[in-house]
Amino acid sequence: MMKVMAFADIHQSEDKWDQLVSTVRTIKPEVVAIAGDLLPKNNGTLAQISFLPYLRVCASAIKGAGAELVLILGNDDNQLLVPEMEKGDEQGLWHYVADKVKMIKGYEFCGCPWIRDYPFAYKYWVAPDSSEVLFINHVQLGPPLMINKKNEIETIPDLKTYLKSKTSIIESLENMVGQVKDISKSIWLIHEPPINMGFDHCATGEKVGSPVVNKFLLEKQPLFSIHGHIHEAPKYNGGIWAGRIGRAMSIQAGQLDGQLYYVTFDLRDGEIANLTHSVYGRY
């Protein structure tokens, strides 16, 4: 039996990394899976570079506690950290699974950091749903922006043209499926939540999940998927944080206030047991 700890959106504060290390030492999971948005954003996205050394300290502590750390970046993470994520992977500090498939303790872990367009300006992690569906949010809170190689903000002159040049969310997912040996024992870290499960319920009442993520889970039927992005969803959807699409089990732990929100579950021979939220209780 293997215990897994899963969540996303730890980027609210540095303190949540301290809580994570403490929790791992207490509950002793064998795998910690974080589905994106890792770096604190209270000092802005550009400043996240300076947090990397402490991220490595926390990752070392998690590894020292006996857990494998599996992660991807998310839409609020500075993309200049991608090479550092890959470096940490090579050094055995964590498993960076963005657009990759990695076998960890008998299960294949896959990661998709890409999201559909949203109102906020930083667009590096935004991608089309598919080659046929080019979604651009009707609300934009500023001109679309990128971070250049000098860690400076640049404006994207034409968002539509930019998005057309990107690999779509469904292409990212399908490319990984082609590498998976047993989809029924695969675990997916997908930052974008699927539509129609409550995981995408914003405080405004708007539902912003991806139809292609929902369709992917329904058609491919992986064992488990971990989502994030919409921190407040469980608060405004009536406490929904887990559900099934067919056989596939999916979770969105949420992330509110100063307390670390997370989900734990046990895996035995490809079956899930004891699925529990740290705040909302047993599923």
C-alpha atoms as a PDB file:
ATOM      1  CA  MET A   1       0.000   0.000   0.000  1.00  0.00           C
ATOM      2  CA  MET A   2       1.228   3.500  -0.829  1.00  0.00           C
ATOM      3  CA  LYS A   3       0.011   6.746   0.750  1.00  0.00           C
ATOM      4  CA  VAL A   4      -0.222   9.778  -1.548  1.00  0.00           C
ATOM      5  CA  MET A   5      -0.616  13.445  -0.563  1.00  0.00           C
ATOM      6  CA  ALA A   6      -2.049  15.609  -3.359  1.00  0.00           C
ATOM      7  CA  PHE A   7      -2.959  19.268  -3.848  1.00  0.00           C
ATOM      8  CA  ALA A   8      -2.096  22.421  -5.845  1.00  0.00           C
ATOM      9  CA  ASP A   9      -1.749  26.192  -5.488  1.00  0.00           C
ATOM     10  CA  ILE A  10       0.691  26.389  -2.603  1.00  0.00           C
ATOM     11  CA  HIS A  11       1.812  29.767  -3.972  1.00  0.00           C
ATOM     12  CA  GLN A  12      -0.257  31.838  -1.559  1.00  0.00           C
ATOM     13  CA  SER A  13       2.609  32.171   0.924  1.00  0.00           C
ATOM     14  CA  GLU A  14       6.032  30.901   1.930  1.00  0.00           C
ATOM     15  CA  ASP A  15       4.465  29.598   5.143  1.00  0.00           C
ATOM     16  CA  LYS A  16       2.563  26.913   3.250  1.00  0.00           C
ATOM     17  CA  TRP A  17       5.866  25.316   2.270  1.00  0.00           C
ATOM     18  CA  ASP A  18       6.797  25.172   5.952  1.00  0.00           C
ATOM     19  CA  GLN A  19       3.410  23.616   6.702  1.00  0.00           C
ATOM     20  CA  LEU A  20       3.950  21.103   3.919  1.00  0.00           C
ATOM     21  CA  VAL A  21       7.291  19.947   5.288  1.00  0.00           C
ATOM     22  CA  SER A  22       5.821  19.636   8.789  1.00  0.00           C
ATOM     23  CA  THR A  23       2.783  17.713   7.509  1.00  0.00           C
ATOM     24  CA  VAL A  24       4.889  15.310   5.452  1.00  0.00           C
ATOM     25  CA  ARG A  25       6.977  14.519   8.538  1.00  0.00           C
ATOM     26  CA  THR A  26       3.776  13.862  10.513  1.00  0.00           C
ATOM     27  CA  ILE A  27       1.602  11.848   8.118  1.00  0.00           C
ATOM     28  CA  LYS A  28       4.504  10.200   6.223  1.00  0.00           C
ATOM     29  CA  PRO A  29       3.199   9.892   2.643  1.00  0.00           C
ATOM     30  CA  GLU A  30       5.361   8.025   0.147  1.00  0.00           C
ATOM     31  CA  VAL A  31       4.451  10.452  -2.665  1.00  0.00           C
ATOM     32  CA  VAL A  32       3.646  14.175  -2.537  1.00  0.00           C
ATOM     33  CA  ALA A  33       2.046  15.403  -5.782  1.00  0.00           C
ATOM     34  CA  ILE A  34       1.588  19.146  -6.442  1.00  0.00           C
ATOM     35  CA  ALA A  35      -0.409  20.078  -9.561  1.00  0.00           C
ATOM     36  CA  GLY A  36       1.060  23.527 -10.189  1.00  0.00           C
ATOM     37  CA  ASP A  37       1.399  27.044  -8.804  1.00  0.00           C
ATOM     38  CA  LEU A  38       4.359  26.391  -6.524  1.00  0.00           C
ATOM     39  CA  LEU A  39       6.065  29.751  -6.033  1.00  0.00           C
ATOM     40  CA  PRO A  40       4.842  32.497  -3.674  1.00  0.00           C
ATOM     41  CA  LYS A  41       3.446  35.465  -5.597  1.00  0.00           C
ATOM     42  CA  ASN A  42       3.086  38.008  -2.795  1.00  0.00           C
ATOM     43  CA  ASN A  43       6.150  39.870  -4.156  1.00  0.00           C
ATOM     44  CA  GLY A  44       5.184  39.346  -7.788  1.00  0.00           C
ATOM     45  CA  THR A  45       6.036  36.753 -10.406  1.00  0.00           C
ATOM     46  CA  LEU A  46       9.426  38.255 -11.263  1.00  0.00           C
ATOM     47  CA  ALA A  47      10.581  37.887  -7.642  1.00  0.00           C
ATOM     48  CA  GLN A  48       9.891  34.145  -7.604  1.00  0.00           C
ATOM     49  CA  ILE A  49      13.412  33.461  -8.854  1.00  0.00           C
ATOM     50  CA  SER A  50      14.736  34.429  -5.411  1.00  0.00           C
ATOM     51  CA  PHE A  51      12.517  31.807  -3.699  1.00  0.00           C
ATOM     52  CA  LEU A  52      14.113  28.907  -5.560  1.00  0.00           C
ATOM     53  CA  PRO A  53      16.834  28.205  -2.952  1.00  0.00           C
ATOM     54  CA  TYR A  54      14.204  27.827  -0.223  1.00  0.00           C
ATOM     55  CA  LEU A  55      12.089  25.631  -2.493  1.00  0.00           C
ATOM     56  CA  ARG A  56      15.108  23.356  -2.809  1.00  0.00           C
ATOM     57  CA  VAL A  57      15.560  23.336   0.984  1.00  0.00           C
ATOM     58  CA  CYS A  58      11.936  22.276   1.464  1.00  0.00           C
ATOM     59  CA  ALA A  59      12.196  19.652  -1.286  1.00  0.00           C
ATOM     60  CA  SER A  60      15.303  18.224   0.401  1.00  0.00           C
ATOM     61  CA  ALA A  61      13.403  18.044   3.694  1.00  0.00           C
ATOM     62  CA  ILE A  62      10.500  16.226   2.005  1.00  0.00           C
ATOM     63  CA  LYS A  63      12.895  13.756   0.422  1.00  0.00           C
ATOM     64  CA  GLY A  64      14.629  13.334   3.782  1.00  0.00           C
ATOM     65  CA  ALA A  65      11.254  12.433   5.311  1.00  0.00           C
ATOM     66  CA  GLY A  66      10.984   9.534   2.872  1.00  0.00           C
ATOM     67  CA  ALA A  67       8.601  10.999   0.258  1.00  0.00           C
ATOM     68  CA  GLU A  68       8.981  11.360  -3.495  1.00  0.00           C
ATOM     69  CA  LEU A  69       7.977  14.874  -4.622  1.00  0.00           C
ATOM     70  CA  VAL A  70       6.152  15.027  -7.962  1.00  0.00           C
ATOM     71  CA  LEU A  71       5.280  18.438  -9.376  1.00  0.00           C
ATOM     72  CA  ILE A  72       4.582  20.789 -12.254  1.00  0.00           C
ATOM     73  CA  LEU A  73       4.566  24.565 -12.501  1.00  0.00           C
ATOM     74  CA  GLY A  74       1.300  26.484 -12.905  1.00  0.00           C
ATOM     75  CA  ASN A  75      -0.077  29.641 -14.477  1.00  0.00           C
ATOM     76  CA  ASP A  76       1.282  31.978 -11.772  1.00  0.00           C
ATOM     77  CA  ASP A  77       4.788  30.509 -11.842  1.00  0.00           C
ATOM     78  CA  ASN A  78       7.651  32.271 -13.616  1.00  0.00           C
ATOM     79  CA  GLN A  79       8.501  30.229 -16.712  1.00  0.00           C
ATOM     80  CA  LEU A  80      12.206  31.053 -16.311  1.00  0.00           C
ATOM     81  CA  LEU A  81      12.140  28.451 -13.532  1.00  0.00           C
ATOM     82  CA  VAL A  82      11.505  25.612 -15.998  1.00  0.00           C
ATOM     83  CA  PRO A  83      15.241  24.878 -16.471  1.00  0.00           C
ATOM     84  CA  GLU A  84      15.646  24.870 -12.681  1.00  0.00           C
ATOM     85  CA  MET A  85      12.766  22.410 -12.351  1.00  0.00           C
ATOM     86  CA  GLU A  86      14.441  20.145 -14.900  1.00  0.00           C
ATOM     87  CA  LYS A  87      17.770  20.514 -13.095  1.00  0.00           C
ATOM     88  CA  GLY A  88      16.176  19.522  -9.783  1.00  0.00           C
ATOM     89  CA  ASP A  89      14.682  16.503 -11.536  1.00  0.00           C
ATOM     90  CA  GLU A  90      18.099  15.443 -12.862  1.00  0.00           C
ATOM     91  CA  GLN A  91      19.558  15.829  -9.365  1.00  0.00           C
ATOM     92  CA  GLY A  92      16.877  13.582  -7.866  1.00  0.00           C
ATOM     93  CA  LEU A  93      15.400  16.373  -5.749  1.00  0.00           C
ATOM     94  CA  TRP A  94      11.931  16.033  -7.282  1.00  0.00           C
ATOM     95  CA  HIS A  95      10.156  14.619 -10.343  1.00  0.00           C
ATOM     96  CA  TYR A  96       9.199  17.391 -12.770  1.00  0.00           C
ATOM     97  CA  VAL A  97       6.507  15.831 -14.966  1.00  0.00           C
ATOM     98  CA  ALA A  98       5.289  18.726 -17.141  1.00  0.00           C
ATOM     99  CA  ASP A  99       4.464  17.151 -20.530  1.00  0.00           C
ATOM    100  CA  LYS A 100       6.253  13.996 -19.360  1.00  0.00           C
ATOM    101  CA  VAL A 101       5.454  10.517 -18.114  1.00  0.00           C
ATOM    102  CA  LYS A 102       7.511   9.141 -15.217  1.00  0.00           C
ATOM    103  CA  MET A 103       7.189   5.813 -13.459  1.00  0.00           C
ATOM    104  CA  ILE A 104       7.293   6.370  -9.694  1.00  0.00           C
ATOM    105  CA  LYS A 105       6.744   3.525  -7.246  1.00  0.00           C
ATOM    106  CA  GLY A 106       4.849   1.453  -9.801  1.00  0.00           C
ATOM    107  CA  TYR A 107       2.518   4.191 -11.077  1.00  0.00           C
ATOM    108  CA  GLU A 108       2.901   6.444 -14.111  1.00  0.00           C
ATOM    109  CA  PHE A 109       2.677  10.149 -13.297  1.00  0.00           C
ATOM    110  CA  CYS A 110       1.884  12.663 -16.054  1.00  0.00           C
ATOM    111  CA  GLY A 111       1.705  16.471 -15.903  1.00  0.00           C
ATOM    112  CA  CYS A 112      -0.104  19.177 -17.857  1.00  0.00           C
ATOM    113  CA  PRO A 113       0.572  22.766 -16.673  1.00  0.00           C
ATOM    114  CA  TRP A 114      -1.362  24.456 -19.488  1.00  0.00           C
ATOM    115  CA  ILE A 115      -4.612  26.379 -18.900  1.00  0.00           C
ATOM    116  CA  ARG A 116      -7.246  27.981 -21.107  1.00  0.00           C
ATOM    117  CA  ASP A 117      -7.248  31.782 -21.277  1.00  0.00           C
ATOM    118  CA  TYR A 118      -8.269  33.777 -18.211  1.00  0.00           C
ATOM    119  CA  PRO A 119      -8.590  37.491 -17.296  1.00  0.00           C
ATOM    120  CA  PHE A 120      -5.118  37.903 -15.826  1.00  0.00           C
ATOM    121  CA  ALA A 121      -2.274  39.334 -17.861  1.00  0.00           C
ATOM    122  CA  TYR A 122       0.529  36.757 -17.579  1.00  0.00           C
ATOM    123  CA  LYS A 123      -0.086  34.407 -20.489  1.00  0.00           C
ATOM    124  CA  TYR A 124       2.897  32.080 -20.792  1.00  0.00           C
ATOM    125  CA  TRP A 125       0.968  29.054 -19.501  1.00  0.00           C
ATOM    126  CA  VAL A 126      -2.174  29.815 -21.539  1.00  0.00           C
ATOM    127  CA  ALA A 127      -2.917  27.498 -24.468  1.00  0.00           C
ATOM    128  CA  PRO A 128      -5.870  26.698 -26.740  1.00  0.00           C
ATOM    129  CA  ASP A 129      -8.212  23.923 -25.663  1.00  0.00           C
ATOM    130  CA  SER A 130      -7.607  22.259 -29.036  1.00  0.00           C
ATOM    131  CA  SER A 131      -6.600  23.152 -32.569  1.00  0.00           C
ATOM    132  CA  GLU A 132     -10.308  23.715 -33.308  1.00  0.00           C
ATOM    133  CA  VAL A 133     -11.181  25.716 -30.172  1.00  0.00           C
ATOM    134  CA  LEU A 134      -9.283  28.956 -29.581  1.00  0.00           C
ATOM    135  CA  PHE A 135     -10.834  30.330 -26.403  1.00  0.00           C
ATOM    136  CA  ILE A 136     -10.024  33.926 -25.403  1.00  0.00           C
ATOM    137  CA  ASN A 137     -11.649  35.182 -22.199  1.00  0.00           C
ATOM    138  CA  HIS A 138     -14.100  38.056 -22.701  1.00  0.00           C
ATOM    139  CA  VAL A 139     -12.628  39.842 -19.660  1.00  0.00           C
ATOM    140  CA  GLN A 140      -9.011  41.012 -19.765  1.00  0.00           C
ATOM    141  CA  LEU A 141      -7.611  42.869 -16.751  1.00  0.00           C
ATOM    142  CA  GLY A 142      -4.725  44.313 -18.733  1.00  0.00           C
ATOM    143  CA  PRO A 143      -2.719  43.783 -21.903  1.00  0.00           C
ATOM    144  CA  PRO A 144      -1.425  40.220 -22.380  1.00  0.00           C
ATOM    145  CA  LEU A 145       2.092  39.880 -20.985  1.00  0.00           C
ATOM    146  CA  MET A 146       5.104  37.595 -21.117  1.00  0.00           C
ATOM    147  CA  ILE A 147       8.340  37.371 -19.138  1.00  0.00           C
ATOM    148  CA  ASN A 148      11.458  37.581 -21.297  1.00  0.00           C
ATOM    149  CA  LYS A 149      14.825  35.889 -20.761  1.00  0.00           C
ATOM    150  CA  LYS A 150      16.020  38.881 -18.722  1.00  0.00           C
ATOM    151  CA  ASN A 151      13.148  38.381 -16.264  1.00  0.00           C
ATOM    152  CA  GLU A 152      11.391  41.485 -17.551  1.00  0.00           C
ATOM    153  CA  ILE A 153       7.756  41.992 -18.552  1.00  0.00           C
ATOM    154  CA  GLU A 154       6.944  42.267 -22.255  1.00  0.00           C
ATOM    155  CA  THR A 155       3.607  42.827 -23.970  1.00  0.00           C
ATOM    156  CA  ILE A 156       2.252  40.179 -26.339  1.00  0.00           C
ATOM    157  CA  PRO A 157       1.222  42.220 -29.409  1.00  0.00           C
ATOM    158  CA  ASP A 158      -1.481  39.820 -30.653  1.00  0.00           C
ATOM    159  CA  LEU A 159      -2.915  37.265 -28.208  1.00  0.00           C
ATOM    160  CA  LYS A 160      -4.811  35.339 -30.887  1.00  0.00           C
ATOM    161  CA  THR A 161      -1.690  34.842 -33.000  1.00  0.00           C
ATOM    162  CA  TYR A 162       0.310  33.918 -29.916  1.00  0.00           C
ATOM    163  CA  LEU A 163      -2.218  31.265 -28.831  1.00  0.00           C
ATOM    164  CA  LYS A 164      -2.370  29.762 -32.321  1.00  0.00           C
ATOM    165  CA  SER A 165       1.352  29.113 -32.084  1.00  0.00           C
ATOM    166  CA  LYS A 166       1.019  27.058 -28.871  1.00  0.00           C
ATOM    167  CA  THR A 167       0.551  23.338 -28.431  1.00  0.00           C
ATOM    168  CA  SER A 168      -3.027  22.875 -27.252  1.00  0.00           C
ATOM    169  CA  ILE A 169      -4.102  21.407 -23.930  1.00  0.00           C
ATOM    170  CA  ILE A 170      -5.545  18.307 -25.565  1.00  0.00           C
ATOM    171  CA  GLU A 171      -2.414  17.800 -27.671  1.00  0.00           C
ATOM    172  CA  SER A 172      -0.296  17.912 -24.515  1.00  0.00           C
ATOM    173  CA  LEU A 173      -2.532  15.315 -22.879  1.00  0.00           C
ATOM    174  CA  GLU A 174      -2.716  13.059 -25.945  1.00  0.00           C
ATOM    175  CA  ASN A 175       1.057  13.176 -26.464  1.00  0.00           C
ATOM    176  CA  MET A 176       1.532  11.788 -22.954  1.00  0.00           C
ATOM    177  CA  VAL A 177      -1.139   9.103 -23.433  1.00  0.00           C
ATOM    178  CA  GLY A 178       1.000   7.751 -26.273  1.00  0.00           C
ATOM    179  CA  GLN A 179       3.818   7.159 -23.762  1.00  0.00           C
ATOM    180  CA  VAL A 180       1.721   5.600 -20.982  1.00  0.00           C
ATOM    181  CA  LYS A 181       1.934   1.823 -20.641  1.00  0.00           C
ATOM    182  CA  ASP A 182      -1.179   1.342 -18.482  1.00  0.00           C
ATOM    183  CA  ILE A 183      -3.672   4.240 -18.434  1.00  0.00           C
ATOM    184  CA  SER A 184      -5.695   2.536 -15.701  1.00  0.00           C
ATOM    185  CA  LYS A 185      -2.788   2.942 -13.265  1.00  0.00           C
ATOM    186  CA  SER A 186      -1.757   6.441 -14.323  1.00  0.00           C
ATOM    187  CA  ILE A 187      -1.979   9.567 -12.131  1.00  0.00           C
ATOM    188  CA  TRP A 188      -2.347  12.941 -13.840  1.00  0.00           C
ATOM    189  CA  LEU A 189      -1.384  16.372 -12.511  1.00  0.00           C
ATOM    190  CA  ILE A 190      -3.525  18.728 -14.634  1.00  0.00           C
ATOM    191  CA  HIS A 191      -3.539  22.310 -13.377  1.00  0.00           C
ATOM    192  CA  GLU A 192      -6.661  23.228 -15.359  1.00  0.00           C
ATOM    193  CA  PRO A 193      -9.830  21.781 -13.787  1.00  0.00           C
ATOM    194  CA  PRO A 194     -12.397  19.956 -15.922  1.00  0.00           C
ATOM    195  CA  ILE A 195     -15.740  21.598 -16.521  1.00  0.00           C
ATOM    196  CA  ASN A 196     -18.942  20.165 -14.975  1.00  0.00           C
ATOM    197  CA  MET A 197     -17.425  18.812 -11.748  1.00  0.00           C
ATOM    198  CA  GLY A 198     -17.593  21.878  -9.507  1.00  0.00           C
ATOM    199  CA  PHE A 199     -13.796  22.201  -9.406  1.00  0.00           C
ATOM    200  CA  ASP A 200     -13.952  25.348 -11.568  1.00  0.00           C
ATOM    201  CA  HIS A 201     -16.478  27.330  -9.500  1.00  0.00           C
ATOM    202  CA  CYS A 202     -15.205  30.889  -8.929  1.00  0.00           C
ATOM    203  CA  ALA A 203     -16.297  33.239  -6.146  1.00  0.00           C
ATOM    204  CA  THR A 204     -18.093  35.274  -8.824  1.00  0.00           C
ATOM    205  CA  GLY A 205     -20.241  32.258  -9.721  1.00  0.00           C
ATOM    206  CA  GLU A 206     -18.490  31.843 -13.062  1.00  0.00           C
ATOM    207  CA  LYS A 207     -17.446  28.305 -14.068  1.00  0.00           C
ATOM    208  CA  VAL A 208     -14.193  28.322 -15.987  1.00  0.00           C
ATOM    209  CA  GLY A 209     -13.085  24.701 -16.399  1.00  0.00           C
ATOM    210  CA  SER A 210     -11.994  23.109 -19.638  1.00  0.00           C
ATOM    211  CA  PRO A 211     -14.348  20.943 -21.713  1.00  0.00           C
ATOM    212  CA  VAL A 212     -11.410  19.113 -23.286  1.00  0.00           C
ATOM    213  CA  VAL A 213     -10.015  18.111 -19.888  1.00  0.00           C
ATOM    214  CA  ASN A 214     -13.422  16.679 -18.965  1.00  0.00           C
ATOM    215  CA  LYS A 215     -13.646  14.841 -22.290  1.00  0.00           C
ATOM    216  CA  PHE A 216     -10.106  13.523 -21.917  1.00  0.00           C
ATOM    217  CA  LEU A 217     -10.810  12.044 -18.479  1.00  0.00           C
ATOM    218  CA  LEU A 218     -14.097  10.539 -19.666  1.00  0.00           C
ATOM    219  CA  GLU A 219     -12.583   8.902 -22.739  1.00  0.00           C
ATOM    220  CA  LYS A 220      -9.196   7.796 -21.390  1.00  0.00           C
ATOM    221  CA  GLN A 221     -10.223   6.799 -17.852  1.00  0.00           C
ATOM    222  CA  PRO A 222      -6.972   7.243 -15.929  1.00  0.00           C
ATOM    223  CA  LEU A 223      -6.849   6.071 -12.322  1.00  0.00           C
ATOM    224  CA  PHE A 224      -6.616   9.516 -10.745  1.00  0.00           C
ATOM    225  CA  SER A 225      -6.307  13.203 -11.645  1.00  0.00           C
ATOM    226  CA  ILE A 226      -5.236  16.163  -9.495  1.00  0.00           C
ATOM    227  CA  HIS A 227      -6.357  19.695 -10.383  1.00  0.00           C
ATOM    228  CA  GLY A 228      -5.999  23.229  -9.041  1.00  0.00           C
ATOM    229  CA  HIS A 229      -6.149  26.795 -10.403  1.00  0.00           C
ATOM    230  CA  ILE A 230      -9.442  27.898  -8.807  1.00  0.00           C
ATOM    231  CA  HIS A 231      -8.504  28.107  -5.130  1.00  0.00           C
ATOM    232  CA  GLU A 232     -11.936  28.959  -3.832  1.00  0.00           C
ATOM    233  CA  ALA A 233     -13.925  26.268  -5.655  1.00  0.00           C
ATOM    234  CA  PRO A 234     -14.747  24.020  -2.654  1.00  0.00           C
ATOM    235  CA  LYS A 235     -15.914  27.041  -0.666  1.00  0.00           C
ATOM    236  CA  TYR A 236     -18.379  28.197  -3.314  1.00  0.00           C
ATOM    237  CA  ASN A 237     -19.507  24.882  -4.810  1.00  0.00           C
ATOM    238  CA  GLY A 238     -20.896  23.490  -1.562  1.00  0.00           C
ATOM    239  CA  GLY A 239     -17.747  21.676  -0.445  1.00  0.00           C
ATOM    240  CA  ILE A 240     -17.149  19.563  -3.544  1.00  0.00           C
ATOM    241  CA  TRP A 241     -13.493  18.539  -3.801  1.00  0.00           C
ATOM    242  CA  ALA A 242     -13.648  15.056  -5.325  1.00  0.00           C
ATOM    243  CA  GLY A 243     -15.686  13.149  -7.874  1.00  0.00           C
ATOM    244  CA  ARG A 244     -15.626  10.528 -10.579  1.00  0.00           C
ATOM    245  CA  ILE A 245     -15.873  10.744 -14.332  1.00  0.00           C
ATOM    246  CA  GLY A 246     -16.675   7.142 -15.099  1.00  0.00           C
ATOM    247  CA  ARG A 247     -14.015   5.152 -13.242  1.00  0.00           C
ATOM    248  CA  ALA A 248     -11.538   8.044 -13.131  1.00  0.00           C
ATOM    249  CA  MET A 249     -11.289   9.690  -9.706  1.00  0.00           C
ATOM    250  CA  SER A 250     -10.487  13.414  -9.677  1.00  0.00           C
ATOM    251  CA  ILE A 251      -9.766  15.905  -6.912  1.00  0.00           C
ATOM    252  CA  GLN A 252      -9.343  19.657  -6.446  1.00  0.00           C
ATOM    253  CA  ALA A 253      -8.267  20.369  -2.878  1.00  0.00           C
ATOM    254  CA  GLY A 254      -8.706  24.156  -3.062  1.00  0.00           C
ATOM    255  CA  GLN A 255      -6.383  26.483  -1.157  1.00  0.00           C
ATOM    256  CA  LEU A 256      -7.730  29.194   1.123  1.00  0.00           C
ATOM    257  CA  ASP A 257      -6.502  31.404   3.955  1.00  0.00           C
ATOM    258  CA  GLY A 258      -3.299  30.467   5.766  1.00  0.00           C
ATOM    259  CA  GLN A 259      -3.994  26.767   6.226  1.00  0.00           C
ATOM    260  CA  LEU A 260      -2.556  24.174   3.872  1.00  0.00           C
ATOM    261  CA  TYR A 261      -5.340  22.282   2.091  1.00  0.00           C
ATOM    262  CA  TYR A 262      -4.485  18.798   0.845  1.00  0.00           C
ATOM    263  CA  VAL A 263      -5.930  15.393   0.047  1.00  0.00           C
ATOM    264  CA  THR A 264      -4.550  12.000   1.055  1.00  0.00           C
ATOM    265  CA  PHE A 265      -5.365   8.555  -0.264  1.00  0.00           C
ATOM    266  CA  ASP A 266      -3.964   5.045  -0.282  1.00  0.00           C
ATOM    267  CA  LEU A 267      -3.118   3.037  -3.388  1.00  0.00           C
ATOM    268  CA  ARG A 268      -3.145  -0.744  -3.419  1.00  0.00           C
ATOM    269  CA  ASP A 269      -2.994  -2.764  -6.642  1.00  0.00           C
ATOM    270  CA  GLY A 270      -4.447   0.095  -8.665  1.00  0.00           C
ATOM    271  CA  GLU A 271      -7.316   0.757  -6.277  1.00  0.00           C
ATOM    272  CA  ILE A 272      -7.957   3.947  -4.268  1.00  0.00           C
ATOM    273  CA  ALA A 273      -8.883   3.856  -0.595  1.00  0.00           C
ATOM    274  CA  ASN A 274      -9.259   6.276   2.320  1.00  0.00           C
ATOM    275  CA  LEU A 275      -9.675   9.387   0.158  1.00  0.00           C
ATOM    276  CA  THR A 276      -9.687  12.241   2.676  1.00  0.00           C
ATOM    277  CA  HIS A 277      -9.484  16.047   2.598  1.00  0.00           C
ATOM    278  CA  SER A 278      -7.555  17.803   5.367  1.00  0.00           C
ATOM    279  CA  VAL A 279     -10.444  20.238   5.979  1.00  0.00           C
ATOM    280  CA  TYR A 280     -13.583  18.656   4.476  1.00  0.00           C
ATOM    281  CA  GLY A 281     -13.024  15.108   5.702  1.00  0.00           C
ATOM    282  CA  ARG A 282     -13.594  11.675   4.151  1.00  0.00           C
ATOM    283  CA  TYR A 283     -15.023  11.323   0.634  1.00  0.00           C
END
